[in-house]
Amino acid sequence: MIFDIGMYDGADTEYYLQSGFRVVAVEANSGLIDHAKQKFCAELRSGQLILCHAAISENGEPVELLLAGTDLGSSSVFHQLVEQKRPIGPIKAPGVTFPDLFERYGVPYYVKIDIEGSDRFCVLSLTPETAPRFLSFEVNDDADELLDHVEAVGFKHFKVINQVRFRELANQDCLYDKLTRRAARYLGYSDAGLIRRAGRFFKAGHSSGPLPWVSDGRWYSAQETRSRLQAARASNHLRDWYDIHAALG
């Protein structure tokens, strides 16, 4: 089972379903939930997919989600994060705590978290008893704090994945990708919207990419990951959107 926390347009949910997993998809935007009900009606009927219309909150109370007009996936309960993304108004969403999900559905094999500033509400509530085998969350200003916590509850192996290129931080400027982009531009194309990784295509900007155990690059320790993030920030190499993939020790 996989928890898809921040379903958005269902690209990740579809990938997980096609990979044979049962999925609990959590999404605060009711419009996106309605879209998923139509798109995944067969999986809903079979029980392979469960949709949960809710926003993760600290206390389970309803929250106000500000919708981003430029990209609904950038909507957030932290309104300051949406101010430069043509906000189109707030909506109320029911709240749920992360521990509530474990009580309802059990501990999944993998948890993907992408909820625009609220990842910490999930990560910091993890315990050794609720830690999934694999975890991913966004790199924000609190990355070091979240790394400390997940290491304390048992995660020992980490990757930093560039979510625009689906490459590990160490490989994000690899020669193959540079030559591919140069060839595409020479032929009159912009950067590829679909990127092939792990045997299939992923939509840049709308997908979290390959599952952690088949994602690009090798695994690093927590200390190595802290040092690599610090160096990347100092040298301005954190240019895009990044996720941390974590695996239990």
C-alpha atoms as a PDB file:
ATOM      1  CA  MET A   1       0.000   0.000   0.000  1.00  0.00           C
ATOM      2  CA  ILE A   2       1.105   3.555  -0.779  1.00  0.00           C
ATOM      3  CA  PHE A   3      -0.083   6.823   0.739  1.00  0.00           C
ATOM      4  CA  ASP A   4      -0.152   9.567  -1.917  1.00  0.00           C
ATOM      5  CA  ILE A   5      -0.322  12.684   0.254  1.00  0.00           C
ATOM      6  CA  GLY A   6      -1.093  15.530  -2.130  1.00  0.00           C
ATOM      7  CA  MET A   7      -2.659  13.673  -5.065  1.00  0.00           C
ATOM      8  CA  TYR A   8      -2.994  16.781  -7.300  1.00  0.00           C
ATOM      9  CA  ASP A   9      -3.930  15.619 -10.828  1.00  0.00           C
ATOM     10  CA  GLY A  10      -3.478  11.921 -10.058  1.00  0.00           C
ATOM     11  CA  ALA A  11      -0.304  11.361 -12.095  1.00  0.00           C
ATOM     12  CA  ASP A  12       1.489   9.684  -9.188  1.00  0.00           C
ATOM     13  CA  THR A  13      -1.618   7.790  -8.097  1.00  0.00           C
ATOM     14  CA  GLU A  14      -1.996   6.390 -11.623  1.00  0.00           C
ATOM     15  CA  TYR A  15       1.647   5.262 -11.658  1.00  0.00           C
ATOM     16  CA  TYR A  16       1.298   3.542  -8.294  1.00  0.00           C
ATOM     17  CA  LEU A  17      -1.919   1.807  -9.346  1.00  0.00           C
ATOM     18  CA  GLN A  18      -0.354   0.616 -12.592  1.00  0.00           C
ATOM     19  CA  SER A  19       2.591  -0.698 -10.565  1.00  0.00           C
ATOM     20  CA  GLY A  20       0.186  -2.950  -8.665  1.00  0.00           C
ATOM     21  CA  PHE A  21      -0.110  -1.087  -5.375  1.00  0.00           C
ATOM     22  CA  ARG A  22      -3.190  -0.266  -3.355  1.00  0.00           C
ATOM     23  CA  VAL A  23      -3.306   3.503  -2.906  1.00  0.00           C
ATOM     24  CA  VAL A  24      -4.763   5.881  -0.340  1.00  0.00           C
ATOM     25  CA  ALA A  25      -4.759   9.267  -2.110  1.00  0.00           C
ATOM     26  CA  VAL A  26      -5.233  12.376   0.032  1.00  0.00           C
ATOM     27  CA  GLU A  27      -6.206  15.675  -1.600  1.00  0.00           C
ATOM     28  CA  ALA A  28      -7.578  18.919  -0.141  1.00  0.00           C
ATOM     29  CA  ASN A  29      -9.060  20.301  -3.380  1.00  0.00           C
ATOM     30  CA  SER A  30     -12.581  18.926  -3.866  1.00  0.00           C
ATOM     31  CA  GLY A  31     -12.438  19.646  -7.611  1.00  0.00           C
ATOM     32  CA  LEU A  32      -9.419  17.375  -7.988  1.00  0.00           C
ATOM     33  CA  ILE A  33     -11.163  14.710  -5.928  1.00  0.00           C
ATOM     34  CA  ASP A  34     -14.156  14.858  -8.304  1.00  0.00           C
ATOM     35  CA  HIS A  35     -11.834  14.526 -11.292  1.00  0.00           C
ATOM     36  CA  ALA A  36     -10.151  11.484  -9.715  1.00  0.00           C
ATOM     37  CA  LYS A  37     -13.533   9.834  -9.091  1.00  0.00           C
ATOM     38  CA  GLN A  38     -14.159   9.893 -12.822  1.00  0.00           C
ATOM     39  CA  LYS A  39     -10.626   8.977 -13.871  1.00  0.00           C
ATOM     40  CA  PHE A  40     -10.220   6.067 -11.457  1.00  0.00           C
ATOM     41  CA  CYS A  41     -13.777   4.776 -11.211  1.00  0.00           C
ATOM     42  CA  ALA A  42     -12.731   1.156 -11.870  1.00  0.00           C
ATOM     43  CA  GLU A  43     -10.009   1.231  -9.206  1.00  0.00           C
ATOM     44  CA  LEU A  44     -12.404   2.810  -6.724  1.00  0.00           C
ATOM     45  CA  ARG A  45     -14.966   0.096  -7.362  1.00  0.00           C
ATOM     46  CA  SER A  46     -12.386  -2.662  -6.928  1.00  0.00           C
ATOM     47  CA  GLY A  47     -11.041  -1.154  -3.719  1.00  0.00           C
ATOM     48  CA  GLN A  48      -7.526  -0.727  -5.115  1.00  0.00           C
ATOM     49  CA  LEU A  49      -7.890   3.037  -4.578  1.00  0.00           C
ATOM     50  CA  ILE A  50      -9.273   4.982  -1.636  1.00  0.00           C
ATOM     51  CA  LEU A  51      -9.772   8.741  -2.027  1.00  0.00           C
ATOM     52  CA  CYS A  52      -9.578  10.908   1.078  1.00  0.00           C
ATOM     53  CA  HIS A  53     -10.812  14.482   0.666  1.00  0.00           C
ATOM     54  CA  ALA A  54      -8.861  16.276   3.385  1.00  0.00           C
ATOM     55  CA  ALA A  55      -5.901  18.495   4.170  1.00  0.00           C
ATOM     56  CA  ILE A  56      -3.257  17.318   6.612  1.00  0.00           C
ATOM     57  CA  SER A  57      -3.433  19.554   9.673  1.00  0.00           C
ATOM     58  CA  GLU A  58      -1.801  19.487  13.084  1.00  0.00           C
ATOM     59  CA  ASN A  59      -5.047  19.020  15.003  1.00  0.00           C
ATOM     60  CA  GLY A  60      -7.422  17.583  12.409  1.00  0.00           C
ATOM     61  CA  GLU A  61      -9.461  20.786  12.197  1.00  0.00           C
ATOM     62  CA  PRO A  62     -10.699  22.136   8.823  1.00  0.00           C
ATOM     63  CA  VAL A  63      -8.267  24.430   7.019  1.00  0.00           C
ATOM     64  CA  GLU A  64      -8.418  27.189   4.410  1.00  0.00           C
ATOM     65  CA  LEU A  65      -6.603  26.286   1.203  1.00  0.00           C
ATOM     66  CA  LEU A  66      -5.624  29.178  -1.083  1.00  0.00           C
ATOM     67  CA  LEU A  67      -5.807  28.083  -4.722  1.00  0.00           C
ATOM     68  CA  ALA A  68      -2.933  29.013  -7.039  1.00  0.00           C
ATOM     69  CA  GLY A  69      -4.155  30.197 -10.423  1.00  0.00           C
ATOM     70  CA  THR A  70      -0.894  29.433 -12.229  1.00  0.00           C
ATOM     71  CA  ASP A  71      -0.766  25.837 -10.964  1.00  0.00           C
ATOM     72  CA  LEU A  72      -3.348  24.166  -8.753  1.00  0.00           C
ATOM     73  CA  GLY A  73      -0.621  21.869  -7.475  1.00  0.00           C
ATOM     74  CA  SER A  74       0.976  24.888  -5.786  1.00  0.00           C
ATOM     75  CA  SER A  75      -2.129  25.675  -3.702  1.00  0.00           C
ATOM     76  CA  SER A  76      -1.333  25.834  -0.004  1.00  0.00           C
ATOM     77  CA  VAL A  77      -2.726  26.418   3.459  1.00  0.00           C
ATOM     78  CA  PHE A  78       0.231  28.820   3.841  1.00  0.00           C
ATOM     79  CA  HIS A  79      -1.134  31.730   1.864  1.00  0.00           C
ATOM     80  CA  GLN A  80       2.204  33.536   1.594  1.00  0.00           C
ATOM     81  CA  LEU A  81       3.450  30.679  -0.608  1.00  0.00           C
ATOM     82  CA  VAL A  82       0.705  31.407  -3.153  1.00  0.00           C
ATOM     83  CA  GLU A  83       0.928  35.209  -3.292  1.00  0.00           C
ATOM     84  CA  GLN A  84       3.105  35.195  -6.443  1.00  0.00           C
ATOM     85  CA  LYS A  85       1.090  32.441  -8.172  1.00  0.00           C
ATOM     86  CA  ARG A  86      -2.051  34.379  -9.160  1.00  0.00           C
ATOM     87  CA  PRO A  87      -4.259  33.256  -6.232  1.00  0.00           C
ATOM     88  CA  ILE A  88      -7.868  32.656  -7.278  1.00  0.00           C
ATOM     89  CA  GLY A  89      -9.433  32.439  -3.851  1.00  0.00           C
ATOM     90  CA  PRO A  90      -9.613  30.241  -0.762  1.00  0.00           C
ATOM     91  CA  ILE A  91     -11.637  27.080  -0.216  1.00  0.00           C
ATOM     92  CA  LYS A  92     -12.416  25.240   3.006  1.00  0.00           C
ATOM     93  CA  ALA A  93     -11.117  21.691   3.299  1.00  0.00           C
ATOM     94  CA  PRO A  94     -11.775  19.123   6.012  1.00  0.00           C
ATOM     95  CA  GLY A  95      -8.721  18.364   8.106  1.00  0.00           C
ATOM     96  CA  VAL A  96      -7.122  15.088   9.088  1.00  0.00           C
ATOM     97  CA  THR A  97      -3.992  14.342  11.102  1.00  0.00           C
ATOM     98  CA  PHE A  98      -1.315  12.054   9.729  1.00  0.00           C
ATOM     99  CA  PRO A  99      -1.665   9.601  12.640  1.00  0.00           C
ATOM    100  CA  ASP A 100      -5.401   9.389  11.806  1.00  0.00           C
ATOM    101  CA  LEU A 101      -4.501   7.909   8.420  1.00  0.00           C
ATOM    102  CA  PHE A 102      -2.389   5.187  10.018  1.00  0.00           C
ATOM    103  CA  GLU A 103      -5.234   4.339  12.396  1.00  0.00           C
ATOM    104  CA  ARG A 104      -7.693   4.048   9.500  1.00  0.00           C
ATOM    105  CA  TYR A 105      -5.564   2.239   6.923  1.00  0.00           C
ATOM    106  CA  GLY A 106      -2.459   0.828   8.614  1.00  0.00           C
ATOM    107  CA  VAL A 107       1.226   1.472   7.904  1.00  0.00           C
ATOM    108  CA  PRO A 108       1.968   1.631   4.156  1.00  0.00           C
ATOM    109  CA  TYR A 109       5.049   0.428   2.326  1.00  0.00           C
ATOM    110  CA  TYR A 110       5.734   3.901   0.923  1.00  0.00           C
ATOM    111  CA  VAL A 111       4.529   7.422   1.709  1.00  0.00           C
ATOM    112  CA  LYS A 112       4.849  10.239  -0.856  1.00  0.00           C
ATOM    113  CA  ILE A 113       4.308  13.698   0.627  1.00  0.00           C
ATOM    114  CA  ASP A 114       3.913  16.808  -1.520  1.00  0.00           C
ATOM    115  CA  ILE A 115       1.649  19.321   0.229  1.00  0.00           C
ATOM    116  CA  GLU A 116       3.278  22.711  -0.290  1.00  0.00           C
ATOM    117  CA  GLY A 117       4.739  23.636   3.067  1.00  0.00           C
ATOM    118  CA  SER A 118       2.748  21.188   5.182  1.00  0.00           C
ATOM    119  CA  ASP A 119       5.063  18.191   4.690  1.00  0.00           C
ATOM    120  CA  ARG A 120       6.402  18.738   8.214  1.00  0.00           C
ATOM    121  CA  PHE A 121       2.989  17.920   9.750  1.00  0.00           C
ATOM    122  CA  CYS A 122       3.391  14.426   8.315  1.00  0.00           C
ATOM    123  CA  VAL A 123       7.108  13.876   8.767  1.00  0.00           C
ATOM    124  CA  LEU A 124       7.374  15.105  12.358  1.00  0.00           C
ATOM    125  CA  SER A 125       4.480  12.876  13.446  1.00  0.00           C
ATOM    126  CA  LEU A 126       6.231   9.682  12.278  1.00  0.00           C
ATOM    127  CA  THR A 127       7.324   7.230  14.948  1.00  0.00           C
ATOM    128  CA  PRO A 128       9.364   4.015  14.726  1.00  0.00           C
ATOM    129  CA  GLU A 129       6.026   2.145  14.792  1.00  0.00           C
ATOM    130  CA  THR A 130       4.509   4.099  11.888  1.00  0.00           C
ATOM    131  CA  ALA A 131       7.611   4.532   9.727  1.00  0.00           C
ATOM    132  CA  PRO A 132       7.000   3.147   6.207  1.00  0.00           C
ATOM    133  CA  ARG A 133       9.725   1.246   4.367  1.00  0.00           C
ATOM    134  CA  PHE A 134      10.207   4.243   2.040  1.00  0.00           C
ATOM    135  CA  LEU A 135       9.336   7.929   2.360  1.00  0.00           C
ATOM    136  CA  SER A 136       9.638  11.054   0.215  1.00  0.00           C
ATOM    137  CA  PHE A 137       9.064  14.705   1.075  1.00  0.00           C
ATOM    138  CA  GLU A 138       9.916  18.110  -0.382  1.00  0.00           C
ATOM    139  CA  VAL A 139      13.149  19.966   0.322  1.00  0.00           C
ATOM    140  CA  ASN A 140      12.240  23.254   1.996  1.00  0.00           C
ATOM    141  CA  ASP A 141      13.887  25.456   4.611  1.00  0.00           C
ATOM    142  CA  ASP A 142      13.101  22.844   7.261  1.00  0.00           C
ATOM    143  CA  ALA A 143      14.901  20.003   5.446  1.00  0.00           C
ATOM    144  CA  ASP A 144      17.612  19.622   8.105  1.00  0.00           C
ATOM    145  CA  GLU A 145      15.033  19.432  10.902  1.00  0.00           C
ATOM    146  CA  LEU A 146      13.025  16.806   9.004  1.00  0.00           C
ATOM    147  CA  LEU A 147      16.178  14.822   8.219  1.00  0.00           C
ATOM    148  CA  ASP A 148      17.048  14.767  11.924  1.00  0.00           C
ATOM    149  CA  HIS A 149      13.606  13.430  12.775  1.00  0.00           C
ATOM    150  CA  VAL A 150      13.405  10.716  10.143  1.00  0.00           C
ATOM    151  CA  GLU A 151      16.901   9.547  11.030  1.00  0.00           C
ATOM    152  CA  ALA A 152      15.803   9.301  14.680  1.00  0.00           C
ATOM    153  CA  VAL A 153      12.832   7.078  13.806  1.00  0.00           C
ATOM    154  CA  GLY A 154      14.918   4.651  11.746  1.00  0.00           C
ATOM    155  CA  PHE A 155      15.617   6.023   8.248  1.00  0.00           C
ATOM    156  CA  LYS A 156      19.277   5.580   7.311  1.00  0.00           C
ATOM    157  CA  HIS A 157      19.534   5.931   3.522  1.00  0.00           C
ATOM    158  CA  PHE A 158      18.739   9.052   1.487  1.00  0.00           C
ATOM    159  CA  LYS A 159      18.657  10.510  -2.015  1.00  0.00           C
ATOM    160  CA  VAL A 160      18.051  14.119  -3.093  1.00  0.00           C
ATOM    161  CA  ILE A 161      16.062  13.983  -6.325  1.00  0.00           C
ATOM    162  CA  ASN A 162      15.741  16.880  -8.774  1.00  0.00           C
ATOM    163  CA  GLN A 163      12.009  16.720  -9.569  1.00  0.00           C
ATOM    164  CA  VAL A 164      12.327  18.582 -12.878  1.00  0.00           C
ATOM    165  CA  ARG A 165      14.857  16.108 -14.296  1.00  0.00           C
ATOM    166  CA  PHE A 166      14.217  13.112 -11.993  1.00  0.00           C
ATOM    167  CA  ARG A 167      17.961  12.890 -11.351  1.00  0.00           C
ATOM    168  CA  GLU A 168      19.791  12.507  -8.056  1.00  0.00           C
ATOM    169  CA  LEU A 169      21.533  15.712  -7.010  1.00  0.00           C
ATOM    170  CA  ALA A 170      24.931  14.270  -7.938  1.00  0.00           C
ATOM    171  CA  ASN A 171      23.723  13.532 -11.476  1.00  0.00           C
ATOM    172  CA  GLN A 172      21.536  16.551 -12.253  1.00  0.00           C
ATOM    173  CA  ASP A 173      24.137  18.037 -14.608  1.00  0.00           C
ATOM    174  CA  CYS A 174      25.190  14.790 -16.280  1.00  0.00           C
ATOM    175  CA  LEU A 175      26.571  15.005 -19.822  1.00  0.00           C
ATOM    176  CA  TYR A 176      23.883  12.745 -21.309  1.00  0.00           C
ATOM    177  CA  ASP A 177      21.098  15.084 -20.162  1.00  0.00           C
ATOM    178  CA  LYS A 178      22.972  18.166 -21.377  1.00  0.00           C
ATOM    179  CA  LEU A 179      23.455  16.660 -24.829  1.00  0.00           C
ATOM    180  CA  THR A 180      19.820  15.546 -24.992  1.00  0.00           C
ATOM    181  CA  ARG A 181      18.546  19.022 -24.111  1.00  0.00           C
ATOM    182  CA  ARG A 182      20.933  20.646 -26.568  1.00  0.00           C
ATOM    183  CA  ALA A 183      19.779  18.346 -29.374  1.00  0.00           C
ATOM    184  CA  ALA A 184      16.113  19.043 -28.582  1.00  0.00           C
ATOM    185  CA  ARG A 185      16.665  22.790 -28.653  1.00  0.00           C
ATOM    186  CA  TYR A 186      18.633  22.541 -31.901  1.00  0.00           C
ATOM    187  CA  LEU A 187      15.592  20.834 -33.429  1.00  0.00           C
ATOM    188  CA  GLY A 188      13.351  23.616 -32.180  1.00  0.00           C
ATOM    189  CA  TYR A 189      11.878  21.930 -29.114  1.00  0.00           C
ATOM    190  CA  SER A 190      11.825  23.316 -25.590  1.00  0.00           C
ATOM    191  CA  ASP A 191      12.840  21.163 -22.629  1.00  0.00           C
ATOM    192  CA  ALA A 192      11.091  17.817 -22.681  1.00  0.00           C
ATOM    193  CA  GLY A 193       7.708  17.672 -20.977  1.00  0.00           C
ATOM    194  CA  LEU A 194       7.989  13.895 -20.696  1.00  0.00           C
ATOM    195  CA  ILE A 195      11.150  12.339 -19.293  1.00  0.00           C
ATOM    196  CA  ARG A 196      11.959   8.641 -19.500  1.00  0.00           C
ATOM    197  CA  ARG A 197      13.238   7.112 -16.276  1.00  0.00           C
ATOM    198  CA  ALA A 198      13.068   3.578 -14.848  1.00  0.00           C
ATOM    199  CA  GLY A 199      11.469   2.214 -18.010  1.00  0.00           C
ATOM    200  CA  ARG A 200       8.596   4.671 -18.397  1.00  0.00           C
ATOM    201  CA  PHE A 201       7.787   8.331 -19.070  1.00  0.00           C
ATOM    202  CA  PHE A 202       7.057  10.858 -16.313  1.00  0.00           C
ATOM    203  CA  LYS A 203       5.559  14.311 -16.800  1.00  0.00           C
ATOM    204  CA  ALA A 204       7.929  17.005 -15.582  1.00  0.00           C
ATOM    205  CA  GLY A 205       6.277  19.292 -13.041  1.00  0.00           C
ATOM    206  CA  HIS A 206       3.286  17.005 -12.564  1.00  0.00           C
ATOM    207  CA  SER A 207       4.910  13.885 -11.167  1.00  0.00           C
ATOM    208  CA  SER A 208       7.115  12.835  -8.282  1.00  0.00           C
ATOM    209  CA  GLY A 209       8.886  10.485 -10.665  1.00  0.00           C
ATOM    210  CA  PRO A 210      10.077   6.913 -10.146  1.00  0.00           C
ATOM    211  CA  LEU A 211       9.459   5.109  -6.892  1.00  0.00           C
ATOM    212  CA  PRO A 212      12.377   5.600  -4.479  1.00  0.00           C
ATOM    213  CA  TRP A 213      13.772   2.091  -4.863  1.00  0.00           C
ATOM    214  CA  VAL A 214      14.084   2.511  -8.666  1.00  0.00           C
ATOM    215  CA  SER A 215      14.927   6.240  -8.711  1.00  0.00           C
ATOM    216  CA  ASP A 216      18.171   7.651 -10.056  1.00  0.00           C
ATOM    217  CA  GLY A 217      21.433   7.554  -8.137  1.00  0.00           C
ATOM    218  CA  ARG A 218      22.852   5.843  -5.101  1.00  0.00           C
ATOM    219  CA  TRP A 219      21.838   6.138  -1.464  1.00  0.00           C
ATOM    220  CA  TYR A 220      23.701   8.362   1.007  1.00  0.00           C
ATOM    221  CA  SER A 221      23.826   8.541   4.797  1.00  0.00           C
ATOM    222  CA  ALA A 222      21.976  11.255   6.702  1.00  0.00           C
ATOM    223  CA  GLN A 223      25.224  13.106   7.461  1.00  0.00           C
ATOM    224  CA  GLU A 224      26.308  12.949   3.828  1.00  0.00           C
ATOM    225  CA  THR A 225      22.898  14.267   2.814  1.00  0.00           C
ATOM    226  CA  ARG A 226      23.109  17.216   5.210  1.00  0.00           C
ATOM    227  CA  SER A 227      26.575  18.086   3.914  1.00  0.00           C
ATOM    228  CA  ARG A 228      25.514  17.753   0.277  1.00  0.00           C
ATOM    229  CA  LEU A 229      22.465  19.975   0.782  1.00  0.00           C
ATOM    230  CA  GLN A 230      24.570  22.585   2.572  1.00  0.00           C
ATOM    231  CA  ALA A 231      27.138  22.597  -0.237  1.00  0.00           C
ATOM    232  CA  ALA A 232      24.432  22.739  -2.935  1.00  0.00           C
ATOM    233  CA  ARG A 233      22.781  25.724  -1.253  1.00  0.00           C
ATOM    234  CA  ALA A 234      26.108  27.527  -0.899  1.00  0.00           C
ATOM    235  CA  SER A 235      26.964  26.995  -4.574  1.00  0.00           C
ATOM    236  CA  ASN A 236      23.421  27.754  -5.807  1.00  0.00           C
ATOM    237  CA  HIS A 237      22.986  24.229  -7.168  1.00  0.00           C
ATOM    238  CA  LEU A 238      19.508  23.835  -5.649  1.00  0.00           C
ATOM    239  CA  ARG A 239      17.884  25.430  -8.682  1.00  0.00           C
ATOM    240  CA  ASP A 240      14.673  23.453  -9.027  1.00  0.00           C
ATOM    241  CA  TRP A 241      12.157  21.515  -6.953  1.00  0.00           C
ATOM    242  CA  TYR A 242      13.739  18.679  -4.954  1.00  0.00           C
ATOM    243  CA  ASP A 243      12.485  15.727  -2.949  1.00  0.00           C
ATOM    244  CA  ILE A 244      14.294  13.727  -0.327  1.00  0.00           C
ATOM    245  CA  HIS A 245      13.803   9.984  -0.692  1.00  0.00           C
ATOM    246  CA  ALA A 246      14.403   8.019   2.507  1.00  0.00           C
ATOM    247  CA  ALA A 247      14.674   4.297   3.217  1.00  0.00           C
ATOM    248  CA  LEU A 248      14.693   2.515   6.550  1.00  0.00           C
ATOM    249  CA  GLY A 249      17.990   1.114   7.792  1.00  0.00           C
END
